[in-house]
């Protein structure tokens, strides 16, 4: 077994319970498409608004 910082604690012992991991997984399943969709929409809305020579100066 691969032991982590405390020598008696394995990676499986340090992991959160399966119920917590399931909760996070379902949050990811529902929120990631929303975040990606919002990012895509923002890129589409602001596409072409700034010239290629513009920058932070």
PDB file of N, CA and C in Angstrom:
ATOM      1  N   UNK A   1       0.825  -1.201   0.000  1.00  0.00           N
ATOM      2  CA  UNK A   1       0.000   0.000   0.000  1.00  0.00           C
ATOM      3  C   UNK A   1       0.863   1.256   0.000  1.00  0.00           C
ATOM      4  N   UNK A   2       0.374   2.290  -0.648  1.00  0.00           N
ATOM      5  CA  UNK A   2       1.082   3.565  -0.668  1.00  0.00           C
ATOM      6  C   UNK A   2       0.645   4.379   0.541  1.00  0.00           C
ATOM      7  N   UNK A   3       1.573   4.658   1.426  1.00  0.00           N
ATOM      8  CA  UNK A   3       1.266   5.430   2.621  1.00  0.00           C
ATOM      9  C   UNK A   3       1.527   6.907   2.377  1.00  0.00           C
ATOM     10  N   UNK A   4       0.722   7.737   2.995  1.00  0.00           N
ATOM     11  CA  UNK A   4       0.857   9.179   2.869  1.00  0.00           C
ATOM     12  C   UNK A   4       1.488   9.754   4.127  1.00  0.00           C
ATOM     13  N   UNK A   5       1.357  11.036   4.373  1.00  0.00           N
ATOM     14  CA  UNK A   5       2.103  11.744   5.412  1.00  0.00           C
ATOM     15  C   UNK A   5       2.112  11.005   6.754  1.00  0.00           C
ATOM     16  N   UNK A   6       0.987  10.734   7.394  1.00  0.00           N
ATOM     17  CA  UNK A   6       1.089   9.865   8.566  1.00  0.00           C
ATOM     18  C   UNK A   6       1.363   8.442   8.079  1.00  0.00           C
ATOM     19  N   UNK A   7       2.374   7.790   8.588  1.00  0.00           N
ATOM     20  CA  UNK A   7       2.770   6.497   8.030  1.00  0.00           C
ATOM     21  C   UNK A   7       1.709   5.403   8.154  1.00  0.00           C
ATOM     22  N   UNK A   8       0.735   5.571   9.012  1.00  0.00           N
ATOM     23  CA  UNK A   8      -0.280   4.530   9.179  1.00  0.00           C
ATOM     24  C   UNK A   8      -1.545   4.796   8.362  1.00  0.00           C
ATOM     25  N   UNK A   9      -1.590   5.907   7.618  1.00  0.00           N
ATOM     26  CA  UNK A   9      -2.787   6.293   6.880  1.00  0.00           C
ATOM     27  C   UNK A   9      -2.586   6.050   5.386  1.00  0.00           C
ATOM     28  N   UNK A  10      -3.413   5.189   4.807  1.00  0.00           N
ATOM     29  CA  UNK A  10      -3.322   4.913   3.372  1.00  0.00           C
ATOM     30  C   UNK A  10      -4.147   5.941   2.597  1.00  0.00           C
ATOM     31  N   UNK A  11      -4.031   5.923   1.298  1.00  0.00           N
ATOM     32  CA  UNK A  11      -4.826   6.838   0.467  1.00  0.00           C
ATOM     33  C   UNK A  11      -6.313   6.505   0.590  1.00  0.00           C
ATOM     34  N   UNK A  12      -6.640   5.244   0.805  1.00  0.00           N
ATOM     35  CA  UNK A  12      -8.039   4.843   0.947  1.00  0.00           C
ATOM     36  C   UNK A  12      -8.585   5.258   2.304  1.00  0.00           C
ATOM     37  N   UNK A  13      -7.742   5.261   3.321  1.00  0.00           N
ATOM     38  CA  UNK A  13      -8.175   5.714   4.639  1.00  0.00           C
ATOM     39  C   UNK A  13      -8.347   7.222   4.706  1.00  0.00           C
ATOM     40  N   UNK A  14      -7.594   7.950   3.896  1.00  0.00           N
ATOM     41  CA  UNK A  14      -7.663   9.410   3.893  1.00  0.00           C
ATOM     42  C   UNK A  14      -8.782   9.938   3.001  1.00  0.00           C
ATOM     43  N   UNK A  15      -9.339   9.105   2.144  1.00  0.00           N
ATOM     44  CA  UNK A  15     -10.388   9.556   1.221  1.00  0.00           C
ATOM     45  C   UNK A  15     -11.691   9.824   1.967  1.00  0.00           C
ATOM     46  N   UNK A  16     -12.506  10.681   1.391  1.00  0.00           N
ATOM     47  CA  UNK A  16     -13.819  10.957   1.974  1.00  0.00           C
ATOM     48  C   UNK A  16     -14.743   9.762   1.740  1.00  0.00           C
ATOM     49  N   UNK A  17     -15.816   9.683   2.495  1.00  0.00           N
ATOM     50  CA  UNK A  17     -16.757   8.568   2.326  1.00  0.00           C
ATOM     51  C   UNK A  17     -17.385   8.564   0.925  1.00  0.00           C
ATOM     52  N   UNK A  18     -17.812   7.388   0.453  1.00  0.00           N
ATOM     53  CA  UNK A  18     -18.422   7.314  -0.883  1.00  0.00           C
ATOM     54  C   UNK A  18     -19.641   8.215  -1.054  1.00  0.00           C
ATOM     55  N   UNK A  19     -20.386   8.448   0.018  1.00  0.00           N
ATOM     56  CA  UNK A  19     -21.555   9.326  -0.080  1.00  0.00           C
ATOM     57  C   UNK A  19     -21.134  10.751  -0.422  1.00  0.00           C
ATOM     58  N   UNK A  20     -20.070  11.223   0.192  1.00  0.00           N
ATOM     59  CA  UNK A  20     -19.573  12.577  -0.100  1.00  0.00           C
ATOM     60  C   UNK A  20     -19.033  12.656  -1.518  1.00  0.00           C
ATOM     61  N   UNK A  21     -18.340  11.636  -1.948  1.00  0.00           N
ATOM     62  CA  UNK A  21     -17.814  11.626  -3.306  1.00  0.00           C
ATOM     63  C   UNK A  21     -18.949  11.604  -4.328  1.00  0.00           C
ATOM     64  N   UNK A  22     -20.025  10.883  -4.023  1.00  0.00           N
ATOM     65  CA  UNK A  22     -21.191  10.869  -4.911  1.00  0.00           C
ATOM     66  C   UNK A  22     -21.858  12.230  -4.996  1.00  0.00           C
ATOM     67  N   UNK A  23     -21.943  12.919  -3.861  1.00  0.00           N
ATOM     68  CA  UNK A  23     -22.527  14.261  -3.833  1.00  0.00           C
ATOM     69  C   UNK A  23     -21.721  15.214  -4.716  1.00  0.00           C
ATOM     70  N   UNK A  24     -20.407  15.154  -4.605  1.00  0.00           N
ATOM     71  CA  UNK A  24     -19.539  16.003  -5.417  1.00  0.00           C
ATOM     72  C   UNK A  24     -19.655  15.624  -6.891  1.00  0.00           C
ATOM     73  N   UNK A  25     -19.757  14.340  -7.182  1.00  0.00           N
ATOM     74  CA  UNK A  25     -19.877  13.908  -8.570  1.00  0.00           C
ATOM     75  C   UNK A  25     -21.151  14.454  -9.211  1.00  0.00           C
ATOM     76  N   UNK A  26     -22.280  14.373  -8.497  1.00  0.00           N
ATOM     77  CA  UNK A  26     -23.526  14.883  -9.069  1.00  0.00           C
ATOM     78  C   UNK A  26     -23.501  16.403  -9.208  1.00  0.00           C
ATOM     79  N   UNK A  27     -22.826  17.088  -8.293  1.00  0.00           N
ATOM     80  CA  UNK A  27     -22.643  18.530  -8.451  1.00  0.00           C
ATOM     81  C   UNK A  27     -21.847  18.846  -9.702  1.00  0.00           C
ATOM     82  N   UNK A  28     -20.812  18.043  -9.955  1.00  0.00           N
ATOM     83  CA  UNK A  28     -20.003  18.219 -11.158  1.00  0.00           C
ATOM     84  C   UNK A  28     -20.819  17.941 -12.415  1.00  0.00           C
ATOM     85  N   UNK A  29     -21.630  16.896 -12.382  1.00  0.00           N
ATOM     86  CA  UNK A  29     -22.440  16.520 -13.551  1.00  0.00           C
ATOM     87  C   UNK A  29     -23.417  17.632 -13.918  1.00  0.00           C
ATOM     88  N   UNK A  30     -23.984  18.309 -12.934  1.00  0.00           N
ATOM     89  CA  UNK A  30     -24.956  19.353 -13.223  1.00  0.00           C
ATOM     90  C   UNK A  30     -24.327  20.724 -13.462  1.00  0.00           C
ATOM     91  N   UNK A  31     -23.252  21.043 -12.741  1.00  0.00           N
ATOM     92  CA  UNK A  31     -22.696  22.385 -12.835  1.00  0.00           C
ATOM     93  C   UNK A  31     -21.672  22.562 -13.947  1.00  0.00           C
ATOM     94  N   UNK A  32     -20.902  21.548 -14.260  1.00  0.00           N
ATOM     95  CA  UNK A  32     -19.876  21.701 -15.290  1.00  0.00           C
ATOM     96  C   UNK A  32     -20.465  22.084 -16.650  1.00  0.00           C
ATOM     97  N   UNK A  33     -21.553  21.449 -17.109  1.00  0.00           N
ATOM     98  CA  UNK A  33     -22.140  21.905 -18.387  1.00  0.00           C
ATOM     99  C   UNK A  33     -22.625  23.353 -18.340  1.00  0.00           C
ATOM    100  N   UNK A  34     -23.149  23.778 -17.195  1.00  0.00           N
ATOM    101  CA  UNK A  34     -23.585  25.170 -17.075  1.00  0.00           C
ATOM    102  C   UNK A  34     -22.401  26.125 -17.168  1.00  0.00           C
ATOM    103  N   UNK A  35     -21.320  25.796 -16.496  1.00  0.00           N
ATOM    104  CA  UNK A  35     -20.136  26.652 -16.519  1.00  0.00           C
ATOM    105  C   UNK A  35     -19.544  26.702 -17.924  1.00  0.00           C
ATOM    106  N   UNK A  36     -19.429  25.538 -18.564  1.00  0.00           N
ATOM    107  CA  UNK A  36     -18.881  25.507 -19.922  1.00  0.00           C
ATOM    108  C   UNK A  36     -19.789  26.243 -20.908  1.00  0.00           C
ATOM    109  N   UNK A  37     -21.100  26.092 -20.749  1.00  0.00           N
ATOM    110  CA  UNK A  37     -22.035  26.801 -21.617  1.00  0.00           C
ATOM    111  C   UNK A  37     -21.946  28.308 -21.429  1.00  0.00           C
ATOM    112  N   UNK A  38     -21.844  28.764 -20.202  1.00  0.00           N
ATOM    113  CA  UNK A  38     -21.717  30.189 -19.929  1.00  0.00           C
ATOM    114  C   UNK A  38     -20.413  30.735 -20.496  1.00  0.00           C
ATOM    115  N   UNK A  39     -19.332  29.975 -20.368  1.00  0.00           N
ATOM    116  CA  UNK A  39     -18.045  30.408 -20.924  1.00  0.00           C
ATOM    117  C   UNK A  39     -18.114  30.488 -22.440  1.00  0.00           C
ATOM    118  N   UNK A  40     -18.716  29.489 -23.076  1.00  0.00           N
ATOM    119  CA  UNK A  40     -18.868  29.514 -24.529  1.00  0.00           C
ATOM    120  C   UNK A  40     -19.719  30.671 -25.001  1.00  0.00           C
ATOM    121  N   UNK A  41     -20.801  30.941 -24.280  1.00  0.00           N
ATOM    122  CA  UNK A  41     -21.678  32.048 -24.630  1.00  0.00           C
ATOM    123  C   UNK A  41     -20.931  33.373 -24.510  1.00  0.00           C
ATOM    124  N   UNK A  42     -20.130  33.526 -23.447  1.00  0.00           N
ATOM    125  CA  UNK A  42     -19.358  34.756 -23.266  1.00  0.00           C
ATOM    126  C   UNK A  42     -18.358  34.944 -24.392  1.00  0.00           C
ATOM    127  N   UNK A  43     -17.668  33.879 -24.770  1.00  0.00           N
ATOM    128  CA  UNK A  43     -16.726  33.989 -25.886  1.00  0.00           C
ATOM    129  C   UNK A  43     -17.447  34.369 -27.177  1.00  0.00           C
ATOM    130  N   UNK A  44     -18.631  33.810 -27.397  1.00  0.00           N
ATOM    131  CA  UNK A  44     -19.373  34.115 -28.622  1.00  0.00           C
ATOM    132  C   UNK A  44     -19.856  35.564 -28.626  1.00  0.00           C
ATOM    133  N   UNK A  45     -20.336  36.037 -27.479  1.00  0.00           N
ATOM    134  CA  UNK A  45     -20.857  37.400 -27.403  1.00  0.00           C
ATOM    135  C   UNK A  45     -19.746  38.429 -27.609  1.00  0.00           C
ATOM    136  N   UNK A  46     -18.590  38.193 -27.021  1.00  0.00           N
ATOM    137  CA  UNK A  46     -17.514  39.183 -27.081  1.00  0.00           C
ATOM    138  C   UNK A  46     -16.511  38.921 -28.202  1.00  0.00           C
ATOM    139  N   UNK A  47     -16.787  37.969 -29.070  1.00  0.00           N
ATOM    140  CA  UNK A  47     -15.893  37.663 -30.187  1.00  0.00           C
ATOM    141  C   UNK A  47     -15.820  38.868 -31.123  1.00  0.00           C
ATOM    142  N   UNK A  48     -14.603  39.251 -31.492  1.00  0.00           N
ATOM    143  CA  UNK A  48     -14.402  40.334 -32.436  1.00  0.00           C
ATOM    144  C   UNK A  48     -14.550  41.731 -31.872  1.00  0.00           C
ATOM    145  N   UNK A  49     -14.752  41.879 -30.591  1.00  0.00           N
ATOM    146  CA  UNK A  49     -14.949  43.203 -30.006  1.00  0.00           C
ATOM    147  C   UNK A  49     -13.628  43.933 -29.768  1.00  0.00           C
ATOM    148  N   UNK A  50     -12.520  43.172 -29.646  1.00  0.00           N
ATOM    149  CA  UNK A  50     -11.231  43.764 -29.365  1.00  0.00           C
ATOM    150  C   UNK A  50     -10.304  43.435 -30.519  1.00  0.00           C
ATOM    151  N   UNK A  51      -9.570  44.415 -30.987  1.00  0.00           N
ATOM    152  CA  UNK A  51      -8.638  44.204 -32.092  1.00  0.00           C
ATOM    153  C   UNK A  51      -7.448  43.359 -31.658  1.00  0.00           C
ATOM    154  N   UNK A  52      -6.768  42.765 -32.643  1.00  0.00           N
ATOM    155  CA  UNK A  52      -5.631  41.908 -32.368  1.00  0.00           C
ATOM    156  C   UNK A  52      -4.464  42.699 -31.791  1.00  0.00           C
ATOM    157  N   UNK A  53      -4.371  43.997 -32.098  1.00  0.00           N
ATOM    158  CA  UNK A  53      -3.244  44.791 -31.604  1.00  0.00           C
ATOM    159  C   UNK A  53      -3.518  45.388 -30.233  1.00  0.00           C
ATOM    160  N   UNK A  54      -4.713  45.280 -29.716  1.00  0.00           N
ATOM    161  CA  UNK A  54      -5.038  45.822 -28.398  1.00  0.00           C
ATOM    162  C   UNK A  54      -4.468  44.907 -27.317  1.00  0.00           C
ATOM    163  N   UNK A  55      -4.104  45.504 -26.216  1.00  0.00           N
ATOM    164  CA  UNK A  55      -3.568  44.736 -25.098  1.00  0.00           C
ATOM    165  C   UNK A  55      -3.585  45.576 -23.839  1.00  0.00           C
ATOM    166  N   UNK A  56      -2.940  45.080 -22.861  1.00  0.00           N
ATOM    167  CA  UNK A  56      -2.860  45.804 -21.571  1.00  0.00           C
ATOM    168  C   UNK A  56      -1.659  46.742 -21.624  1.00  0.00           C
ATOM    169  N   UNK A  57      -1.916  48.001 -21.903  1.00  0.00           N
ATOM    170  CA  UNK A  57      -0.843  48.987 -21.893  1.00  0.00           C
ATOM    171  C   UNK A  57      -1.368  50.359 -21.574  1.00  0.00           C
TER     172      UNK A  57
END
